[in-house]
Amino acid sequence: MQSIWLCDIFYVMGWLAILFAKFFCKIWTFYVGYLCKYPCKAAKHDLNLISISKQASVYVAEITPKKIRGGFTAANMLVLCLGVSLMFFMGNVLTWRTMAIIGLVPCFVQSVGMFFIPESPRWLAKMGREKELENTLRRLRGKNADTFSEMAEIKDYTKTFEQLSKTSILNLFERRYAHPLTIGVGIMLLQQFGGSNGILYYASSIFEAAGCSASVGTTTMAIIQIPFTALNVLLVDKSGRRPLLMVSVAGTCFGNILVGLGFLSQGFQYSSELCAILVLSGILIYMASYSAGMNATPYILMSEIFPVNIRGSAGSLMTFANWFTAWIVSYSFNFLFDWSSPGVFFIFAAICGSTILFVAKLVPETKGRSLEEIQASMTHLLQ
């Protein structure tokens, strides 16, 4: 929880830097504000790059019973989606400075709210605080719930991993962690290289280039994300992670193909209406499909597949991979779009297609399994 508090401090610093950009060197103040919103955490033995979305997903996964863990973790992304959509709507009528002031409010609310939530049971077990572990599990599961077996499993598994290796970022590259590390890094890279942030950041430009109304397109795009993210919450513990991911990525692949065909038809001088319809339909299909699976499910998997002794370092590496790739895509998108507007979306489609194969071959099904069971099977321990 201390790490989330530290994140809140950096978020506040970031919004304040953006808010007062007018009185300083504008562009660099914006950069400082943006960077502060992806802060650093002083961990026990190393400095990890993190984000609140990663920390919240891991925390929710660690406190939730296995039968509803996926839905609760996905609910974190649903709330995030609601916030992003709300900011899209307000951005049409409010100034950027007012938006920065509004952005400060949740940071303060969360900072106060952190005083009223318990620590993660897995973290307490790792720290050897057994009495607090017992009290926390009873608080989370109910006073009359039988928490003995769950507490014993958490303690035994944590103790085993603590004996096997010390907590260090170098542990990430041990052979027994190759499978979860490949899945974690791979899914984060493919999520971004499939076009998510490129489309999200440049939606207005894409709609304008296709002859669509930018305000109508972005508003519709923001609205459609909400019900499909909610659908992810409802389905992730019923259908499982793998089927949901594959269907979601197939939809994003199809959406990218439609957008590419739309700009291709524009290049061959067909009717502008056809281009606008294909691009708008493709973007909406992409965002609906992405919201239904590929947006939240990778964070659910990330919170499930790594053992407690490397979870902090692994999560930091996953988050760094995700946001560094997001920067590459967002920075290069304009250049690629100028080079070939249909070509960039066909590239995204090809990457989405390869993601289906990646999930089918490497990603395990984690539905209905305890965190300890998942991690033991993936690291070939406790068997």
Protein backbone atom coordinates (compact mmCIF):
# COMPACT_ATOMS: atom_id res chain seq x y z
CA MET A 1 0.00 0.00 0.00
CA GLN A 2 2.94 2.31 0.63
CA SER A 3 3.80 2.03 -3.06
CA ILE A 4 0.32 3.21 -4.06
CA TRP A 5 0.65 6.15 -1.69
CA LEU A 6 3.94 7.05 -3.36
CA CYS A 7 2.26 6.76 -6.76
CA ASP A 8 -0.40 9.24 -5.60
CA ILE A 9 2.32 11.72 -4.65
CA PHE A 10 3.84 11.51 -8.13
CA TYR A 11 0.43 11.82 -9.76
CA VAL A 12 -0.27 14.98 -7.77
CA MET A 13 3.13 16.37 -8.77
CA GLY A 14 2.37 15.52 -12.39
CA TRP A 15 -1.01 17.24 -12.45
CA LEU A 16 0.41 20.30 -10.68
CA ALA A 17 3.23 20.52 -13.24
CA ILE A 18 0.67 20.41 -16.05
CA LEU A 19 -1.59 22.91 -14.27
CA PHE A 20 1.16 25.50 -13.86
CA ALA A 21 2.76 24.90 -17.28
CA LYS A 22 1.63 28.37 -18.40
CA PHE A 23 3.93 30.04 -15.88
CA PHE A 24 7.03 28.01 -16.75
CA CYS A 25 8.64 26.56 -19.86
CA LYS A 26 5.47 25.06 -21.29
CA ILE A 27 6.63 22.04 -23.25
CA TRP A 28 9.16 20.82 -20.66
CA THR A 29 6.70 21.31 -17.82
CA PHE A 30 4.21 19.16 -19.70
CA TYR A 31 6.89 16.50 -20.17
CA VAL A 32 7.74 16.60 -16.45
CA GLY A 33 4.05 16.32 -15.58
CA TYR A 34 3.57 13.37 -17.92
CA LEU A 35 6.63 11.56 -16.57
CA CYS A 36 5.59 12.15 -12.96
CA LYS A 37 2.35 10.32 -13.69
CA TYR A 38 4.37 7.12 -14.21
CA PRO A 39 6.30 7.20 -10.94
CA CYS A 40 9.00 5.22 -9.15
CA LYS A 41 8.72 3.09 -6.06
CA ALA A 42 11.38 2.40 -3.49
CA ALA A 43 11.07 -1.33 -2.98
CA LYS A 44 12.83 -3.45 -0.40
CA HIS A 45 15.96 -4.12 -2.43
CA ASP A 46 15.61 -2.24 -5.70
CA LEU A 47 13.92 0.69 -7.43
CA ASN A 48 11.00 -0.42 -9.57
CA LEU A 49 9.13 1.49 -12.25
CA ILE A 50 5.42 1.04 -11.62
CA SER A 51 1.98 2.46 -12.26
CA ILE A 52 -1.12 2.50 -10.08
CA SER A 53 -2.98 0.31 -12.59
CA LYS A 54 -0.40 -2.46 -12.09
CA GLN A 55 -0.30 -2.09 -8.31
CA ALA A 56 -4.09 -2.06 -8.00
CA SER A 57 -4.46 -5.16 -10.20
CA VAL A 58 -1.92 -7.09 -8.14
CA TYR A 59 -3.48 -5.97 -4.85
CA VAL A 60 -7.01 -6.93 -5.93
CA ALA A 61 -5.80 -10.34 -7.16
CA GLU A 62 -4.06 -11.00 -3.83
CA ILE A 63 -7.06 -10.21 -1.63
CA THR A 64 -9.84 -11.81 -3.70
CA PRO A 65 -11.08 -15.45 -3.56
CA LYS A 66 -10.03 -17.48 -6.60
CA LYS A 67 -13.57 -18.01 -7.94
CA ILE A 68 -14.16 -14.29 -8.48
CA ARG A 69 -10.57 -13.05 -8.76
CA GLY A 70 -10.70 -12.38 -12.49
CA GLY A 71 -13.92 -10.38 -12.33
CA PHE A 72 -12.71 -8.22 -9.45
CA THR A 73 -9.38 -7.54 -11.14
CA ALA A 74 -11.16 -6.68 -14.38
CA ALA A 75 -13.46 -4.35 -12.42
CA ASN A 76 -10.38 -2.26 -11.67
CA MET A 77 -9.97 -1.71 -15.42
CA LEU A 78 -13.69 -1.01 -15.77
CA VAL A 79 -13.41 1.86 -13.31
CA LEU A 80 -10.31 3.06 -15.19
CA CYS A 81 -12.29 2.90 -18.44
CA LEU A 82 -15.12 4.91 -16.89
CA GLY A 83 -12.62 7.55 -15.79
CA VAL A 84 -11.00 7.77 -19.23
CA SER A 85 -14.42 7.99 -20.93
CA LEU A 86 -15.50 10.70 -18.51
CA MET A 87 -12.37 12.70 -19.29
CA PHE A 88 -13.10 12.31 -23.02
CA PHE A 89 -16.57 13.79 -22.50
CA MET A 90 -15.39 16.64 -20.28
CA GLY A 91 -12.53 17.38 -22.67
CA ASN A 92 -15.08 18.50 -25.27
CA VAL A 93 -16.38 21.30 -23.01
CA LEU A 94 -13.63 22.09 -20.47
CA THR A 95 -10.16 23.62 -20.77
CA TRP A 96 -7.02 21.56 -20.19
CA ARG A 97 -6.25 23.51 -17.01
CA THR A 98 -9.68 22.69 -15.57
CA MET A 99 -9.10 19.05 -16.52
CA ALA A 100 -5.81 19.09 -14.59
CA ILE A 101 -7.60 20.40 -11.49
CA ILE A 102 -10.23 17.65 -11.81
CA GLY A 103 -7.43 15.08 -12.17
CA LEU A 104 -6.07 16.05 -8.76
CA VAL A 105 -9.28 15.12 -6.95
CA PRO A 106 -9.09 11.29 -7.28
CA CYS A 107 -5.47 11.37 -6.14
CA PHE A 108 -6.42 13.01 -2.85
CA VAL A 109 -9.48 10.77 -2.41
CA GLN A 110 -7.41 7.62 -2.94
CA SER A 111 -4.70 8.81 -0.55
CA VAL A 112 -7.27 9.17 2.22
CA GLY A 113 -9.04 5.93 1.30
CA MET A 114 -5.83 3.92 1.66
CA PHE A 115 -6.04 4.35 5.45
CA PHE A 116 -9.17 2.17 5.50
CA ILE A 117 -8.09 -0.91 3.50
CA PRO A 118 -6.03 -3.89 4.75
CA GLU A 119 -2.59 -4.95 3.58
CA SER A 120 -2.28 -7.84 1.11
CA PRO A 121 -2.28 -11.26 2.84
CA ARG A 122 0.54 -12.45 0.56
CA TRP A 123 2.67 -9.44 1.47
CA LEU A 124 2.03 -9.99 5.18
CA ALA A 125 3.08 -13.64 4.81
CA LYS A 126 6.24 -12.56 3.01
CA MET A 127 7.04 -10.14 5.85
CA GLY A 128 6.41 -12.84 8.48
CA ARG A 129 3.55 -10.95 10.12
CA GLU A 130 1.41 -14.03 10.83
CA LYS A 131 -1.00 -12.50 13.35
CA GLU A 132 -1.85 -9.66 10.96
CA LEU A 133 -2.20 -12.21 8.16
CA GLU A 134 -4.81 -14.12 10.14
CA ASN A 135 -6.72 -10.96 11.08
CA THR A 136 -6.65 -9.66 7.52
CA LEU A 137 -7.99 -12.90 6.03
CA ARG A 138 -10.83 -12.91 8.57
CA ARG A 139 -11.60 -9.30 7.74
CA LEU A 140 -11.63 -10.07 4.00
CA ARG A 141 -13.49 -13.41 4.12
CA GLY A 142 -15.83 -12.72 7.05
CA LYS A 143 -15.55 -13.43 10.77
CA ASN A 144 -17.17 -16.86 10.51
CA ALA A 145 -15.26 -18.01 7.40
CA ASP A 146 -12.78 -20.88 7.64
CA THR A 147 -9.49 -19.27 6.62
CA PHE A 148 -7.14 -21.90 8.07
CA SER A 149 -6.44 -23.82 4.84
CA GLU A 150 -6.01 -20.64 2.77
CA MET A 151 -3.67 -19.14 5.35
CA ALA A 152 -1.61 -22.36 5.55
CA GLU A 153 -1.30 -22.52 1.75
CA ILE A 154 -0.17 -18.89 1.53
CA LYS A 155 2.38 -19.31 4.36
CA ASP A 156 3.81 -22.60 3.09
CA TYR A 157 4.15 -21.42 -0.49
CA THR A 158 5.68 -18.08 0.51
CA LYS A 159 8.15 -19.81 2.83
CA THR A 160 9.18 -22.24 0.09
CA PHE A 161 9.92 -19.49 -2.40
CA GLU A 162 11.74 -17.38 0.17
CA GLN A 163 14.02 -20.35 0.83
CA LEU A 164 14.63 -21.01 -2.84
CA SER A 165 15.81 -17.54 -3.78
CA LYS A 166 16.36 -14.06 -2.45
CA THR A 167 14.32 -11.16 -3.72
CA SER A 168 16.33 -9.56 -6.51
CA ILE A 169 15.61 -8.37 -10.00
CA LEU A 170 18.21 -10.88 -11.23
CA ASN A 171 15.87 -13.69 -10.12
CA LEU A 172 13.60 -12.76 -13.00
CA PHE A 173 16.08 -14.27 -15.45
CA GLU A 174 16.42 -17.65 -13.77
CA ARG A 175 15.42 -20.54 -15.99
CA ARG A 176 12.43 -21.58 -13.89
CA TYR A 177 10.81 -18.17 -14.48
CA ALA A 178 11.30 -18.23 -18.27
CA HIS A 179 7.70 -19.26 -18.99
CA PRO A 180 5.89 -16.59 -16.92
CA LEU A 181 8.42 -13.96 -17.98
CA THR A 182 7.88 -14.77 -21.68
CA ILE A 183 4.12 -14.58 -21.22
CA GLY A 184 4.24 -11.34 -19.23
CA VAL A 185 6.60 -9.43 -21.52
CA GLY A 186 5.11 -10.91 -24.68
CA ILE A 187 1.50 -10.08 -23.90
CA MET A 188 2.39 -6.50 -22.89
CA LEU A 189 4.39 -5.90 -26.07
CA LEU A 190 1.70 -7.39 -28.29
CA GLN A 191 -1.01 -5.38 -26.53
CA GLN A 192 0.68 -2.13 -27.56
CA PHE A 193 2.08 -3.16 -30.95
CA GLY A 194 -1.46 -4.18 -31.89
CA GLY A 195 -2.25 -0.46 -32.05
CA SER A 196 -4.12 0.30 -28.83
CA ASN A 197 -2.45 3.55 -27.78
CA GLY A 198 -1.78 4.65 -31.35
CA ILE A 199 -5.52 4.49 -32.08
CA LEU A 200 -6.52 5.94 -28.71
CA TYR A 201 -4.11 8.89 -28.85
CA TYR A 202 -4.70 9.78 -32.50
CA ALA A 203 -8.40 8.93 -32.83
CA SER A 204 -9.33 12.51 -33.75
CA SER A 205 -6.71 12.66 -36.51
CA ILE A 206 -7.76 9.26 -37.85
CA PHE A 207 -11.43 10.25 -38.02
CA GLU A 208 -10.61 13.57 -39.67
CA ALA A 209 -8.41 11.88 -42.28
CA ALA A 210 -11.28 9.52 -43.08
CA GLY A 211 -13.78 12.35 -43.43
CA CYS A 212 -15.62 11.62 -40.16
CA SER A 213 -16.58 14.07 -37.44
CA ALA A 214 -13.80 13.88 -34.85
CA SER A 215 -16.06 14.84 -31.94
CA VAL A 216 -18.74 12.31 -32.87
CA GLY A 217 -16.15 9.59 -33.47
CA THR A 218 -14.21 10.07 -30.23
CA THR A 219 -17.38 10.41 -28.14
CA THR A 220 -18.83 7.22 -29.62
CA MET A 221 -15.51 5.47 -29.10
CA ALA A 222 -15.47 6.52 -25.44
CA ILE A 223 -19.04 5.36 -24.87
CA ILE A 224 -18.60 1.94 -26.48
CA GLN A 225 -15.70 1.04 -24.22
CA ILE A 226 -17.85 1.10 -21.09
CA PRO A 227 -20.33 -1.76 -21.77
CA PHE A 228 -17.67 -3.98 -23.32
CA THR A 229 -15.31 -3.50 -20.38
CA ALA A 230 -18.24 -4.39 -18.14
CA LEU A 231 -18.74 -7.51 -20.30
CA ASN A 232 -15.13 -8.45 -19.56
CA VAL A 233 -15.88 -8.28 -15.82
CA LEU A 234 -18.85 -10.63 -16.26
CA LEU A 235 -17.16 -13.16 -18.55
CA VAL A 236 -13.56 -13.46 -17.36
CA ASP A 237 -14.38 -15.91 -14.53
CA LYS A 238 -16.93 -17.84 -16.64
CA SER A 239 -15.33 -18.18 -20.06
CA GLY A 240 -11.74 -18.13 -18.82
CA ARG A 241 -8.78 -15.93 -19.73
CA ARG A 242 -7.59 -17.73 -22.87
CA PRO A 243 -10.88 -17.82 -24.84
CA LEU A 244 -11.64 -14.22 -23.92
CA LEU A 245 -8.19 -13.08 -25.03
CA MET A 246 -8.36 -14.94 -28.36
CA VAL A 247 -11.84 -13.67 -29.23
CA SER A 248 -10.84 -10.15 -28.22
CA VAL A 249 -7.67 -10.16 -30.33
CA ALA A 250 -9.55 -11.63 -33.31
CA GLY A 251 -11.93 -8.67 -33.06
CA THR A 252 -9.10 -6.13 -32.92
CA CYS A 253 -7.51 -7.81 -35.95
CA PHE A 254 -10.78 -7.52 -37.90
CA GLY A 255 -11.22 -3.89 -36.81
CA ASN A 256 -7.73 -2.97 -38.01
CA ILE A 257 -8.39 -4.67 -41.35
CA LEU A 258 -11.59 -2.64 -41.82
CA VAL A 259 -9.76 0.63 -41.07
CA GLY A 260 -6.97 -0.33 -43.46
CA LEU A 261 -9.49 -1.16 -46.21
CA GLY A 262 -11.23 2.16 -45.57
CA PHE A 263 -8.06 4.17 -46.17
CA LEU A 264 -7.17 1.88 -49.06
CA SER A 265 -10.48 2.69 -50.73
CA GLN A 266 -9.68 6.39 -50.21
CA GLY A 267 -6.40 5.86 -51.99
CA PHE A 268 -8.17 4.32 -54.97
CA GLN A 269 -10.52 7.30 -55.05
CA TYR A 270 -13.73 5.47 -54.19
CA SER A 271 -16.53 7.37 -52.45
CA SER A 272 -15.57 9.24 -49.33
CA GLU A 273 -18.68 7.84 -47.60
CA LEU A 274 -17.32 4.30 -47.96
CA CYS A 275 -14.01 5.32 -46.38
CA ALA A 276 -15.75 7.07 -43.48
CA ILE A 277 -18.07 4.11 -42.82
CA LEU A 278 -15.27 1.53 -42.90
CA VAL A 279 -12.93 3.57 -40.69
CA LEU A 280 -15.60 4.44 -38.13
CA SER A 281 -16.86 0.83 -38.05
CA GLY A 282 -13.33 -0.54 -37.80
CA ILE A 283 -12.32 1.76 -34.93
CA LEU A 284 -15.50 0.98 -32.99
CA ILE A 285 -15.09 -2.78 -33.53
CA TYR A 286 -11.47 -2.49 -32.47
CA MET A 287 -12.26 -0.57 -29.27
CA ALA A 288 -15.20 -2.84 -28.38
CA SER A 289 -13.09 -5.98 -28.87
CA TYR A 290 -10.09 -4.50 -27.07
CA SER A 291 -12.23 -3.45 -24.11
CA ALA A 292 -13.85 -6.90 -23.89
CA GLY A 293 -10.57 -8.72 -23.33
CA MET A 294 -7.20 -7.37 -24.36
CA ASN A 295 -7.46 -4.25 -22.22
CA ALA A 296 -7.87 -5.82 -18.77
CA THR A 297 -7.03 -9.52 -19.12
CA PRO A 298 -3.23 -9.06 -19.51
CA TYR A 299 -3.21 -7.26 -16.15
CA ILE A 300 -5.18 -10.12 -14.60
CA LEU A 301 -2.64 -12.61 -15.91
CA MET A 302 0.25 -10.43 -14.76
CA SER A 303 -1.14 -10.44 -11.23
CA GLU A 304 -1.53 -14.25 -11.26
CA ILE A 305 1.50 -15.86 -12.91
CA PHE A 306 4.45 -14.54 -10.87
CA PRO A 307 5.41 -15.94 -7.44
CA VAL A 308 5.56 -13.64 -4.45
CA ASN A 309 9.36 -13.43 -4.30
CA ILE A 310 9.66 -11.82 -7.75
CA ARG A 311 6.19 -10.31 -8.16
CA GLY A 312 7.30 -6.73 -7.50
CA SER A 313 10.26 -6.82 -9.89
CA ALA A 314 8.30 -8.76 -12.52
CA GLY A 315 5.36 -6.37 -12.37
CA SER A 316 7.72 -3.43 -12.73
CA LEU A 317 9.36 -4.99 -15.77
CA MET A 318 5.95 -5.71 -17.34
CA THR A 319 4.80 -2.15 -16.74
CA PHE A 320 8.03 -0.74 -18.17
CA ALA A 321 7.68 -2.97 -21.26
CA ASN A 322 4.07 -1.87 -21.69
CA TRP A 323 4.64 1.86 -21.39
CA PHE A 324 7.92 1.90 -23.31
CA THR A 325 6.20 0.08 -26.18
CA ALA A 326 3.26 2.49 -25.87
CA TRP A 327 5.72 5.37 -26.26
CA ILE A 328 7.25 3.77 -29.37
CA VAL A 329 3.81 3.27 -30.95
CA SER A 330 2.50 6.73 -30.05
CA TYR A 331 5.72 8.43 -31.21
CA SER A 332 5.96 6.56 -34.52
CA PHE A 333 2.27 6.49 -35.39
CA ASN A 334 2.22 9.85 -37.19
CA PHE A 335 5.25 8.93 -39.28
CA LEU A 336 3.75 5.56 -40.21
CA PHE A 337 0.38 7.14 -40.93
CA ASP A 338 1.98 9.70 -43.26
CA TRP A 339 3.95 6.90 -44.93
CA SER A 340 0.87 4.75 -45.55
CA SER A 341 -2.45 5.25 -43.80
CA PRO A 342 -3.77 1.78 -44.77
CA GLY A 343 -0.38 0.15 -44.26
CA VAL A 344 -0.07 1.04 -40.57
CA PHE A 345 -3.41 -0.63 -39.80
CA PHE A 346 -2.55 -3.73 -41.80
CA ILE A 347 0.65 -3.96 -39.72
CA PHE A 348 -1.45 -3.68 -36.55
CA ALA A 349 -3.77 -6.39 -37.91
CA ALA A 350 -0.85 -8.74 -38.58
CA ILE A 351 0.44 -8.26 -35.01
CA CYS A 352 -3.04 -8.92 -33.61
CA GLY A 353 -3.18 -12.11 -35.68
CA SER A 354 0.15 -13.27 -34.26
CA THR A 355 -1.17 -12.55 -30.76
CA ILE A 356 -3.85 -15.22 -31.25
CA LEU A 357 -1.10 -17.79 -31.88
CA PHE A 358 0.91 -16.51 -28.90
CA VAL A 359 -2.06 -16.94 -26.55
CA ALA A 360 -2.98 -20.36 -27.96
CA LYS A 361 0.56 -21.73 -27.58
CA LEU A 362 1.89 -20.12 -24.39
CA VAL A 363 -0.78 -18.61 -22.15
CA PRO A 364 -2.23 -21.01 -19.51
CA GLU A 365 -5.80 -20.99 -18.28
CA THR A 366 -5.84 -19.58 -14.72
CA LYS A 367 -9.60 -19.51 -14.11
CA GLY A 368 -10.65 -21.03 -10.78
CA ARG A 369 -7.10 -21.81 -9.61
CA SER A 370 -5.37 -20.34 -6.56
CA LEU A 371 -2.40 -18.05 -7.08
CA GLU A 372 -0.11 -20.59 -5.43
CA GLU A 373 -1.35 -23.40 -7.71
CA ILE A 374 -0.88 -21.32 -10.86
CA GLN A 375 2.62 -20.20 -9.94
CA ALA A 376 3.75 -23.66 -8.83
CA SER A 377 2.66 -25.21 -12.13
CA MET A 378 4.34 -22.50 -14.19
CA THR A 379 7.65 -22.55 -12.33
CA HIS A 380 7.73 -26.36 -11.98
CA LEU A 381 7.91 -26.14 -8.18
CA LEU A 382 6.03 -27.92 -5.42
CA GLN A 383 5.21 -30.81 -7.78
